[in-house]
N, C-alpha and C. Protein backbone atom coordinates (compact mmCIF):
# COMPACT_ATOMS: atom_id res chain seq x y z
N MET A 1 52.54 -7.21 44.46
CA MET A 1 52.81 -6.69 43.12
C MET A 1 52.42 -7.72 42.11
N VAL A 2 51.77 -7.28 41.06
CA VAL A 2 51.31 -8.14 39.96
C VAL A 2 52.48 -8.42 39.02
N ASP A 3 52.64 -9.66 38.69
CA ASP A 3 53.69 -10.04 37.73
C ASP A 3 53.20 -9.75 36.32
N ILE A 4 54.12 -9.69 35.39
CA ILE A 4 53.79 -9.49 33.97
C ILE A 4 53.32 -10.82 33.41
N HIS A 5 52.20 -10.78 32.66
CA HIS A 5 51.74 -11.95 31.92
C HIS A 5 51.05 -11.50 30.62
N ASP A 6 51.02 -12.38 29.66
CA ASP A 6 50.58 -11.94 28.30
C ASP A 6 49.12 -11.57 28.20
N ALA A 7 48.31 -11.84 29.18
CA ALA A 7 46.89 -11.44 29.13
C ALA A 7 46.68 -10.01 29.68
N GLN A 8 47.75 -9.40 30.20
CA GLN A 8 47.61 -8.03 30.74
C GLN A 8 47.28 -7.05 29.66
N ARG A 9 46.38 -6.12 29.98
CA ARG A 9 46.05 -5.02 29.07
C ARG A 9 46.92 -3.82 29.53
N VAL A 10 47.59 -3.20 28.54
CA VAL A 10 48.57 -2.17 28.84
C VAL A 10 48.26 -0.86 28.12
N ALA A 11 48.47 0.25 28.85
CA ALA A 11 48.44 1.58 28.24
C ALA A 11 49.86 2.16 28.40
N VAL A 12 50.39 2.73 27.34
CA VAL A 12 51.71 3.34 27.35
C VAL A 12 51.55 4.82 27.14
N LEU A 13 52.03 5.63 28.11
CA LEU A 13 51.91 7.07 28.01
C LEU A 13 53.33 7.65 28.01
N ALA A 14 53.69 8.25 26.88
CA ALA A 14 55.05 8.73 26.69
C ALA A 14 55.11 10.24 26.72
N ASP A 15 55.88 10.77 27.69
CA ASP A 15 56.11 12.20 27.85
C ASP A 15 57.28 12.56 26.90
N ALA A 16 56.97 12.84 25.65
CA ALA A 16 57.98 13.03 24.60
C ALA A 16 58.93 14.16 24.94
N GLN A 17 58.45 15.25 25.53
CA GLN A 17 59.29 16.38 25.86
C GLN A 17 60.34 15.97 26.91
N ASN A 18 59.92 15.30 27.92
CA ASN A 18 60.84 14.83 28.98
C ASN A 18 61.87 13.85 28.42
N LEU A 19 61.45 12.90 27.62
CA LEU A 19 62.35 11.93 27.04
C LEU A 19 63.36 12.58 26.11
N TYR A 20 62.85 13.52 25.27
CA TYR A 20 63.70 14.21 24.33
C TYR A 20 64.85 14.97 25.04
N HIS A 21 64.47 15.77 26.05
CA HIS A 21 65.46 16.58 26.75
C HIS A 21 66.45 15.71 27.48
N SER A 22 66.00 14.59 28.08
CA SER A 22 66.95 13.69 28.76
C SER A 22 67.90 13.07 27.77
N ALA A 23 67.36 12.53 26.67
CA ALA A 23 68.23 11.86 25.64
C ALA A 23 69.23 12.86 25.06
N GLN A 24 68.79 14.08 24.83
CA GLN A 24 69.67 15.10 24.24
C GLN A 24 70.74 15.52 25.24
N SER A 25 70.37 15.80 26.48
CA SER A 25 71.35 16.27 27.42
C SER A 25 72.35 15.17 27.84
N LEU A 26 71.90 13.95 27.88
CA LEU A 26 72.80 12.85 28.32
C LEU A 26 73.64 12.29 27.18
N TYR A 27 73.03 12.19 25.95
CA TYR A 27 73.67 11.47 24.86
C TYR A 27 73.71 12.21 23.56
N SER A 28 73.06 13.36 23.46
CA SER A 28 72.93 14.11 22.19
C SER A 28 72.34 13.22 21.12
N ARG A 29 71.37 12.38 21.50
CA ARG A 29 70.74 11.45 20.58
C ARG A 29 69.22 11.54 20.79
N ASN A 30 68.48 10.88 19.88
CA ASN A 30 67.02 10.83 19.97
C ASN A 30 66.53 9.47 20.43
N ILE A 31 65.32 9.42 20.90
CA ILE A 31 64.68 8.22 21.39
C ILE A 31 64.23 7.36 20.21
N ASP A 32 64.41 6.04 20.30
CA ASP A 32 63.85 5.09 19.35
C ASP A 32 62.48 4.68 19.92
N TYR A 33 61.44 5.33 19.43
CA TYR A 33 60.11 5.11 19.95
C TYR A 33 59.54 3.75 19.63
N GLY A 34 60.01 3.14 18.53
CA GLY A 34 59.60 1.77 18.23
C GLY A 34 60.07 0.80 19.28
N SER A 35 61.36 0.91 19.65
CA SER A 35 61.92 0.04 20.68
C SER A 35 61.29 0.34 22.04
N LEU A 36 61.04 1.60 22.32
CA LEU A 36 60.41 2.02 23.57
C LEU A 36 59.05 1.35 23.72
N LEU A 37 58.23 1.45 22.66
CA LEU A 37 56.91 0.87 22.71
C LEU A 37 56.96 -0.65 22.83
N SER A 38 57.85 -1.28 22.09
CA SER A 38 57.98 -2.73 22.15
C SER A 38 58.34 -3.21 23.54
N LYS A 39 59.30 -2.52 24.19
CA LYS A 39 59.74 -2.89 25.55
C LYS A 39 58.62 -2.61 26.55
N ALA A 40 57.90 -1.52 26.38
CA ALA A 40 56.81 -1.18 27.30
C ALA A 40 55.70 -2.23 27.26
N VAL A 41 55.40 -2.71 26.08
CA VAL A 41 54.30 -3.66 25.94
C VAL A 41 54.73 -5.07 26.32
N GLN A 42 55.93 -5.50 25.94
CA GLN A 42 56.48 -6.81 26.29
C GLN A 42 55.49 -7.95 26.05
N ASP A 43 54.99 -8.11 24.85
CA ASP A 43 54.09 -9.22 24.48
C ASP A 43 52.78 -9.21 25.21
N ARG A 44 52.44 -8.10 25.84
CA ARG A 44 51.10 -8.01 26.46
C ARG A 44 50.15 -7.35 25.47
N GLN A 45 48.94 -7.20 25.86
CA GLN A 45 47.91 -6.64 24.99
C GLN A 45 47.90 -5.14 25.08
N LEU A 46 48.30 -4.44 23.99
CA LEU A 46 48.31 -2.98 24.01
C LEU A 46 46.89 -2.45 23.82
N VAL A 47 46.43 -1.68 24.75
CA VAL A 47 45.13 -1.06 24.67
C VAL A 47 45.25 0.33 24.02
N ARG A 48 46.23 1.08 24.48
CA ARG A 48 46.44 2.42 23.94
C ARG A 48 47.87 2.87 24.19
N ALA A 49 48.45 3.52 23.19
CA ALA A 49 49.78 4.13 23.32
C ALA A 49 49.61 5.60 22.91
N ILE A 50 49.94 6.49 23.83
CA ILE A 50 49.77 7.93 23.58
C ILE A 50 51.12 8.61 23.80
N ALA A 51 51.51 9.42 22.83
CA ALA A 51 52.71 10.24 22.94
C ALA A 51 52.26 11.67 23.11
N TYR A 52 52.69 12.31 24.14
CA TYR A 52 52.34 13.73 24.46
C TYR A 52 53.48 14.59 23.96
N VAL A 53 53.18 15.38 22.91
CA VAL A 53 54.21 16.19 22.27
C VAL A 53 53.87 17.66 22.30
N VAL A 54 54.88 18.49 22.13
CA VAL A 54 54.74 19.92 22.11
C VAL A 54 55.15 20.44 20.76
N ARG A 55 54.28 21.27 20.15
CA ARG A 55 54.63 21.89 18.87
C ARG A 55 55.42 23.14 19.14
N ALA A 56 56.67 23.15 18.66
CA ALA A 56 57.56 24.28 18.89
C ALA A 56 57.96 24.95 17.57
N GLU A 57 57.25 24.60 16.50
CA GLU A 57 57.52 25.17 15.14
C GLU A 57 58.93 24.87 14.66
N SER A 58 59.43 23.67 14.93
CA SER A 58 60.71 23.28 14.38
C SER A 58 60.46 22.49 13.09
N PRO A 59 61.42 22.58 12.15
CA PRO A 59 61.20 22.02 10.80
C PRO A 59 60.88 20.50 10.75
N GLN A 60 61.49 19.73 11.62
CA GLN A 60 61.30 18.29 11.55
C GLN A 60 60.13 17.74 12.35
N GLU A 61 59.45 18.62 13.11
CA GLU A 61 58.49 18.07 14.05
C GLU A 61 57.26 17.40 13.43
N GLU A 62 56.79 17.88 12.29
CA GLU A 62 55.63 17.23 11.64
C GLU A 62 55.98 15.80 11.23
N SER A 63 57.21 15.60 10.67
CA SER A 63 57.59 14.24 10.29
C SER A 63 57.78 13.38 11.54
N PHE A 64 58.26 13.98 12.65
CA PHE A 64 58.35 13.23 13.90
C PHE A 64 56.97 12.79 14.39
N PHE A 65 56.02 13.71 14.32
CA PHE A 65 54.64 13.37 14.78
C PHE A 65 54.07 12.23 13.92
N GLU A 66 54.32 12.32 12.60
CA GLU A 66 53.85 11.28 11.68
C GLU A 66 54.52 9.92 11.97
N ALA A 67 55.82 10.00 12.31
CA ALA A 67 56.56 8.75 12.59
C ALA A 67 55.99 8.11 13.88
N LEU A 68 55.62 8.91 14.85
CA LEU A 68 55.05 8.36 16.08
C LEU A 68 53.77 7.62 15.75
N VAL A 69 52.94 8.18 14.89
CA VAL A 69 51.68 7.53 14.48
C VAL A 69 51.96 6.23 13.75
N ASP A 70 52.94 6.25 12.86
CA ASP A 70 53.30 5.04 12.07
C ASP A 70 53.80 3.94 13.04
N ILE A 71 54.47 4.30 14.12
CA ILE A 71 54.97 3.31 15.10
C ILE A 71 53.83 2.70 15.90
N GLY A 72 52.74 3.46 16.06
CA GLY A 72 51.59 2.93 16.83
C GLY A 72 51.13 3.83 17.95
N PHE A 73 51.70 5.02 18.02
CA PHE A 73 51.27 5.98 19.06
C PHE A 73 50.15 6.90 18.54
N GLU A 74 49.22 7.19 19.38
CA GLU A 74 48.28 8.26 19.14
C GLU A 74 49.03 9.52 19.66
N THR A 75 49.00 10.61 18.92
CA THR A 75 49.70 11.82 19.39
C THR A 75 48.70 12.81 19.95
N LYS A 76 49.08 13.40 21.04
CA LYS A 76 48.35 14.53 21.60
C LYS A 76 49.34 15.69 21.55
N ILE A 77 48.94 16.74 20.88
CA ILE A 77 49.86 17.87 20.56
C ILE A 77 49.35 19.11 21.27
N LYS A 78 50.31 19.78 21.92
CA LYS A 78 50.02 21.05 22.58
C LYS A 78 50.99 22.08 22.05
N ASP A 79 50.50 23.28 21.76
CA ASP A 79 51.38 24.35 21.30
C ASP A 79 52.11 24.94 22.50
N ILE A 80 53.36 25.32 22.24
CA ILE A 80 54.19 25.94 23.31
C ILE A 80 53.61 27.34 23.55
N LYS A 81 53.56 27.76 24.84
CA LYS A 81 53.07 29.09 25.20
C LYS A 81 54.26 29.96 25.52
N THR A 82 54.27 31.18 24.95
CA THR A 82 55.29 32.15 25.25
C THR A 82 54.64 33.25 26.07
N PHE A 83 55.23 33.52 27.21
CA PHE A 83 54.67 34.55 28.11
C PHE A 83 55.31 35.91 27.86
N GLY A 84 54.74 36.95 28.43
CA GLY A 84 55.20 38.31 28.20
C GLY A 84 56.66 38.54 28.55
N ASP A 85 57.17 37.76 29.55
CA ASP A 85 58.59 37.91 29.94
C ASP A 85 59.54 37.11 29.06
N GLY A 86 58.95 36.46 28.03
CA GLY A 86 59.79 35.69 27.09
C GLY A 86 59.92 34.22 27.49
N SER A 87 59.48 33.85 28.71
CA SER A 87 59.57 32.46 29.13
C SER A 87 58.58 31.62 28.34
N LYS A 88 58.90 30.35 28.21
CA LYS A 88 58.05 29.43 27.43
C LYS A 88 57.63 28.25 28.31
N LYS A 89 56.43 27.76 28.10
CA LYS A 89 55.97 26.63 28.88
C LYS A 89 55.03 25.76 28.06
N ALA A 90 55.18 24.48 28.22
CA ALA A 90 54.23 23.52 27.65
C ALA A 90 54.52 22.19 28.31
N ASP A 91 53.64 21.76 29.17
CA ASP A 91 53.82 20.40 29.70
C ASP A 91 52.49 19.71 29.73
N TRP A 92 52.58 18.42 29.81
CA TRP A 92 51.41 17.55 29.65
C TRP A 92 51.08 16.83 30.97
N ASP A 93 51.66 17.27 32.08
CA ASP A 93 51.44 16.54 33.37
C ASP A 93 49.98 16.28 33.69
N VAL A 94 49.17 17.31 33.61
CA VAL A 94 47.74 17.14 33.93
C VAL A 94 47.05 16.26 32.90
N GLY A 95 47.32 16.49 31.63
CA GLY A 95 46.70 15.69 30.57
C GLY A 95 47.07 14.20 30.67
N MET A 96 48.35 13.93 30.90
CA MET A 96 48.78 12.53 31.06
C MET A 96 48.12 11.90 32.27
N SER A 97 48.07 12.63 33.37
CA SER A 97 47.47 12.09 34.60
C SER A 97 45.98 11.79 34.39
N LEU A 98 45.27 12.72 33.76
CA LEU A 98 43.84 12.51 33.54
C LEU A 98 43.62 11.28 32.64
N ASP A 99 44.43 11.16 31.58
CA ASP A 99 44.31 10.00 30.69
C ASP A 99 44.61 8.71 31.45
N ALA A 100 45.61 8.70 32.27
CA ALA A 100 45.94 7.52 33.03
C ALA A 100 44.83 7.09 33.97
N VAL A 101 44.24 8.06 34.67
CA VAL A 101 43.14 7.81 35.57
C VAL A 101 41.91 7.30 34.77
N SER A 102 41.67 7.92 33.60
CA SER A 102 40.53 7.49 32.74
C SER A 102 40.71 6.06 32.23
N LEU A 103 41.95 5.72 31.90
CA LEU A 103 42.25 4.39 31.37
C LEU A 103 42.34 3.29 32.42
N ALA A 104 42.41 3.70 33.69
CA ALA A 104 42.70 2.73 34.77
C ALA A 104 41.69 1.58 34.83
N GLU A 105 40.45 1.87 34.52
CA GLU A 105 39.45 0.74 34.56
C GLU A 105 39.49 -0.13 33.34
N LYS A 106 40.23 0.28 32.31
CA LYS A 106 40.28 -0.49 31.05
C LYS A 106 41.61 -1.26 30.90
N VAL A 107 42.54 -1.04 31.80
CA VAL A 107 43.88 -1.69 31.68
C VAL A 107 44.31 -2.32 33.01
N ASP A 108 45.28 -3.18 32.90
CA ASP A 108 45.89 -3.80 34.10
C ASP A 108 47.20 -3.05 34.46
N THR A 109 47.83 -2.47 33.47
CA THR A 109 49.14 -1.82 33.66
C THR A 109 49.19 -0.48 32.89
N VAL A 110 49.75 0.51 33.55
CA VAL A 110 50.04 1.76 32.87
C VAL A 110 51.56 1.95 32.91
N VAL A 111 52.14 2.14 31.71
CA VAL A 111 53.59 2.36 31.61
C VAL A 111 53.77 3.84 31.32
N LEU A 112 54.45 4.53 32.25
CA LEU A 112 54.75 5.94 32.08
C LEU A 112 56.19 6.11 31.59
N CYS A 113 56.34 6.61 30.39
CA CYS A 113 57.68 6.86 29.81
C CYS A 113 58.07 8.26 30.08
N THR A 114 58.68 8.48 31.20
CA THR A 114 59.07 9.81 31.67
C THR A 114 60.00 9.67 32.88
N GLY A 115 60.70 10.73 33.17
CA GLY A 115 61.50 10.76 34.41
C GLY A 115 60.97 11.76 35.41
N ASP A 116 59.81 12.33 35.09
CA ASP A 116 59.24 13.44 35.87
C ASP A 116 58.63 12.91 37.20
N GLY A 117 59.19 13.43 38.27
CA GLY A 117 58.74 13.04 39.59
C GLY A 117 57.32 13.45 39.92
N ASP A 118 56.77 14.38 39.15
CA ASP A 118 55.39 14.77 39.39
C ASP A 118 54.41 13.62 39.21
N PHE A 119 54.85 12.53 38.53
CA PHE A 119 53.98 11.40 38.30
C PHE A 119 54.02 10.36 39.42
N SER A 120 54.83 10.59 40.46
CA SER A 120 54.89 9.62 41.56
C SER A 120 53.54 9.50 42.27
N ARG A 121 52.89 10.61 42.45
CA ARG A 121 51.56 10.59 43.08
C ARG A 121 50.55 9.84 42.26
N LEU A 122 50.66 9.98 40.92
CA LEU A 122 49.79 9.20 40.00
C LEU A 122 50.03 7.72 40.16
N CYS A 123 51.28 7.30 40.28
CA CYS A 123 51.57 5.86 40.47
C CYS A 123 50.88 5.34 41.73
N THR A 124 51.02 6.10 42.79
CA THR A 124 50.39 5.72 44.07
C THR A 124 48.88 5.59 43.91
N HIS A 125 48.28 6.53 43.24
CA HIS A 125 46.80 6.49 43.01
C HIS A 125 46.44 5.25 42.19
N LEU A 126 47.14 5.04 41.06
CA LEU A 126 46.83 3.90 40.19
C LEU A 126 46.97 2.58 40.93
N ARG A 127 48.03 2.45 41.72
CA ARG A 127 48.24 1.20 42.48
C ARG A 127 47.09 1.00 43.45
N HIS A 128 46.61 2.07 44.06
CA HIS A 128 45.47 1.99 44.98
C HIS A 128 44.24 1.49 44.23
N GLU A 129 44.13 1.81 42.94
CA GLU A 129 43.01 1.37 42.10
C GLU A 129 43.26 -0.04 41.54
N GLY A 130 44.36 -0.67 41.89
CA GLY A 130 44.63 -2.04 41.43
C GLY A 130 45.35 -2.10 40.11
N VAL A 131 45.91 -1.00 39.65
CA VAL A 131 46.61 -0.98 38.39
C VAL A 131 48.14 -1.03 38.63
N ARG A 132 48.83 -1.91 37.91
CA ARG A 132 50.27 -1.99 37.99
C ARG A 132 50.85 -0.74 37.28
N THR A 133 51.85 -0.18 37.86
CA THR A 133 52.51 1.01 37.24
C THR A 133 53.96 0.68 36.95
N GLU A 134 54.39 1.06 35.74
CA GLU A 134 55.79 0.87 35.38
C GLU A 134 56.27 2.22 34.81
N ALA A 135 57.52 2.51 35.06
CA ALA A 135 58.10 3.74 34.57
C ALA A 135 59.33 3.38 33.72
N MET A 136 59.53 4.17 32.70
CA MET A 136 60.71 3.99 31.83
C MET A 136 61.39 5.35 31.64
N GLY A 137 62.65 5.44 31.95
CA GLY A 137 63.37 6.67 31.82
C GLY A 137 64.87 6.45 31.98
N PHE A 138 65.62 7.53 31.87
CA PHE A 138 67.05 7.45 32.08
C PHE A 138 67.28 7.69 33.58
N GLU A 139 67.88 6.70 34.23
CA GLU A 139 67.97 6.75 35.69
C GLU A 139 68.58 8.04 36.22
N SER A 140 69.63 8.53 35.55
CA SER A 140 70.32 9.73 36.06
C SER A 140 69.46 10.98 35.96
N SER A 141 68.42 10.95 35.13
CA SER A 141 67.55 12.11 35.04
C SER A 141 66.09 11.78 35.40
N THR A 142 65.94 10.67 36.13
CA THR A 142 64.60 10.27 36.60
C THR A 142 64.50 10.51 38.13
N SER A 143 63.38 11.09 38.53
CA SER A 143 63.15 11.35 39.92
C SER A 143 63.14 10.05 40.74
N GLU A 144 63.84 10.09 41.86
CA GLU A 144 63.84 8.93 42.81
C GLU A 144 62.42 8.64 43.25
N GLU A 145 61.61 9.64 43.44
CA GLU A 145 60.23 9.42 43.91
C GLU A 145 59.44 8.60 42.89
N LEU A 146 59.69 8.87 41.61
CA LEU A 146 58.98 8.11 40.58
C LEU A 146 59.44 6.68 40.57
N VAL A 147 60.74 6.44 40.64
CA VAL A 147 61.27 5.07 40.66
C VAL A 147 60.70 4.29 41.83
N GLU A 148 60.65 4.91 42.98
CA GLU A 148 60.14 4.26 44.20
C GLU A 148 58.63 4.03 44.13
N ALA A 149 57.90 4.94 43.49
CA ALA A 149 56.44 4.81 43.45
C ALA A 149 55.92 3.79 42.44
N ALA A 150 56.72 3.54 41.39
CA ALA A 150 56.31 2.61 40.39
C ALA A 150 56.59 1.14 40.83
N ASP A 151 55.77 0.21 40.30
CA ASP A 151 55.98 -1.21 40.59
C ASP A 151 57.27 -1.72 39.93
N ALA A 152 57.64 -1.11 38.80
CA ALA A 152 58.85 -1.52 38.09
C ALA A 152 59.41 -0.30 37.37
N PHE A 153 60.71 -0.27 37.21
CA PHE A 153 61.40 0.82 36.49
C PHE A 153 62.37 0.23 35.49
N VAL A 154 62.31 0.70 34.27
CA VAL A 154 63.27 0.30 33.23
C VAL A 154 64.19 1.50 32.98
N ASP A 155 65.47 1.30 33.24
CA ASP A 155 66.47 2.32 33.00
C ASP A 155 66.94 2.26 31.54
N LEU A 156 66.49 3.22 30.77
CA LEU A 156 66.84 3.25 29.35
C LEU A 156 68.35 3.37 29.10
N SER A 157 69.08 3.89 30.10
CA SER A 157 70.55 4.04 29.97
C SER A 157 71.25 2.68 29.90
N GLU A 158 70.60 1.64 30.45
CA GLU A 158 71.25 0.31 30.47
C GLU A 158 71.28 -0.32 29.08
N ARG A 159 70.47 0.19 28.16
CA ARG A 159 70.43 -0.35 26.81
C ARG A 159 70.37 0.79 25.78
N GLU A 160 71.41 1.61 25.78
CA GLU A 160 71.46 2.75 24.89
C GLU A 160 71.26 2.38 23.44
N ASP A 161 71.88 1.30 23.00
CA ASP A 161 71.77 0.88 21.60
C ASP A 161 70.36 0.46 21.20
N THR A 162 69.56 0.06 22.19
CA THR A 162 68.19 -0.33 21.94
C THR A 162 67.26 0.90 21.87
N PHE A 163 67.47 1.82 22.82
CA PHE A 163 66.47 2.89 23.01
C PHE A 163 66.89 4.23 22.42
N LEU A 164 68.09 4.30 21.86
CA LEU A 164 68.51 5.59 21.27
C LEU A 164 68.82 5.40 19.79
N LEU A 165 68.52 6.40 19.00
CA LEU A 165 68.80 6.38 17.56
C LEU A 165 70.21 6.94 17.31
């Protein structure tokens, strides 16, 4: 496993939907994306920070998207899809994975800010390509497979005052 050093090039990929739902269900609070990005980068060289968000037509979301940009995230926005049966879906798993694989040759570390176990296979692939993988999420709502597949895991629950607004 590669240790952290300040010459490392880092990409931070934040699954905003997953983080939002975890923070709301566990604490009824929102994520502090500035602190999240700072901890993810840890004095290393940030190559790219991308927040994957879903447009759900809520009143505050445009200001949230703008705040993410001000913090240093590039936003990728997907509209929520409503199906005939009334169910709704919008996830970024494939988009995040494709971006991570595309960035792999340009970075030393990919930090996945999510608790979604679907990304465990991505971690395995990136490690095979020589890329360090780190995951950040709330342990109680993070897949064990993801924690095990990543080189390092940061439990956001351990520092609520840092990572929650």
